[in-house]
Amino acid sequence: MDYNGSGFMYLTHKFPRMSDAKIKDRVFLGPQIRELKQDVKFEDHVSEVEKSSVEIIKICHYKFFGKSRGTKLS
């Protein structure tokens, strides 16, 4: 992720209590991951390559947890 890009800036505003180091190292907990998966604005702030990565994460999460975690594919 581009640390000067709008996606990184969006994450720092969305999770103000997280340090930049944790965001850069992509250290997110379950509730934060679920919140990002449901946030449609987040995908507006990332590049096309990052969008495809987000979609892959959603698919893997869905295949691993299935419907038991309330995961929705967009």
Protein backbone atom coordinates (compact mmCIF):
# COMPACT_ATOMS: atom_id res chain seq x y z
CA MET A 1 0.00 0.00 0.00
CA ASP A 2 1.21 3.46 -0.85
CA TYR A 3 1.85 5.12 2.52
CA ASN A 4 1.23 8.57 1.02
CA GLY A 5 -1.90 7.48 -0.84
CA SER A 6 -5.51 8.06 -0.04
CA GLY A 7 -6.07 4.44 1.08
CA PHE A 8 -3.49 4.72 3.85
CA MET A 9 -4.82 8.12 4.90
CA TYR A 10 -8.35 6.68 5.01
CA LEU A 11 -7.17 3.90 7.34
CA THR A 12 -5.44 6.36 9.67
CA HIS A 13 -8.67 8.37 9.94
CA LYS A 14 -10.88 5.30 10.27
CA PHE A 15 -8.75 3.79 13.05
CA PRO A 16 -7.30 6.83 14.85
CA ARG A 17 -6.19 4.81 17.88
CA MET A 18 -3.98 2.51 15.77
CA SER A 19 -0.40 3.55 15.26
CA ASP A 20 0.91 4.18 11.77
CA ALA A 21 3.36 1.33 12.33
CA LYS A 22 0.54 -1.17 12.90
CA ILE A 23 -1.29 0.07 9.82
CA LYS A 24 1.89 -0.13 7.73
CA ASP A 25 2.53 -3.68 9.00
CA ARG A 26 -1.15 -4.53 8.33
CA VAL A 27 -1.80 -5.59 11.92
CA PHE A 28 -5.61 -5.65 12.09
CA LEU A 29 -7.79 -7.59 14.49
CA GLY A 30 -10.97 -9.46 13.62
CA PRO A 31 -13.40 -6.60 14.35
CA GLN A 32 -11.31 -4.19 12.28
CA ILE A 33 -11.13 -6.64 9.38
CA ARG A 34 -14.90 -7.15 9.45
CA GLU A 35 -15.43 -3.39 9.57
CA LEU A 36 -13.20 -2.86 6.55
CA LYS A 37 -14.88 -5.65 4.60
CA GLN A 38 -18.24 -3.96 5.02
CA ASP A 39 -16.94 -0.44 4.33
CA VAL A 40 -17.72 0.47 0.72
CA LYS A 41 -15.92 3.82 1.02
CA PHE A 42 -12.61 2.08 1.69
CA GLU A 43 -12.55 0.57 -1.79
CA ASP A 44 -13.00 4.05 -3.28
CA HIS A 45 -9.69 5.12 -1.73
CA VAL A 46 -7.44 2.31 -2.93
CA SER A 47 -5.82 1.56 -6.27
CA GLU A 48 -7.07 -1.12 -8.67
CA VAL A 49 -4.37 -3.57 -7.55
CA GLU A 50 -5.33 -3.03 -3.91
CA LYS A 51 -9.02 -3.48 -4.78
CA SER A 52 -8.27 -6.89 -6.26
CA SER A 53 -6.38 -7.82 -3.09
CA VAL A 54 -9.38 -6.81 -0.98
CA GLU A 55 -11.65 -8.98 -3.13
CA ILE A 56 -9.29 -11.96 -2.77
CA ILE A 57 -9.30 -11.54 1.00
CA LYS A 58 -13.12 -11.44 1.01
CA ILE A 59 -13.31 -14.62 -1.06
CA CYS A 60 -10.77 -16.47 1.12
CA HIS A 61 -12.57 -15.39 4.28
CA TYR A 62 -15.90 -16.55 2.85
CA LYS A 63 -14.49 -19.92 1.77
CA PHE A 64 -12.81 -20.46 5.14
CA PHE A 65 -15.61 -19.29 7.47
CA GLY A 66 -18.59 -19.65 5.15
CA LYS A 67 -21.88 -18.15 6.15
CA SER A 68 -21.27 -18.83 9.84
CA ARG A 69 -19.50 -15.47 10.20
CA GLY A 70 -22.03 -13.43 8.26
CA THR A 71 -19.57 -12.78 5.47
CA LYS A 72 -21.05 -11.22 2.37
CA LEU A 73 -19.34 -11.08 -0.96
CA SER A 74 -19.97 -7.86 -2.80
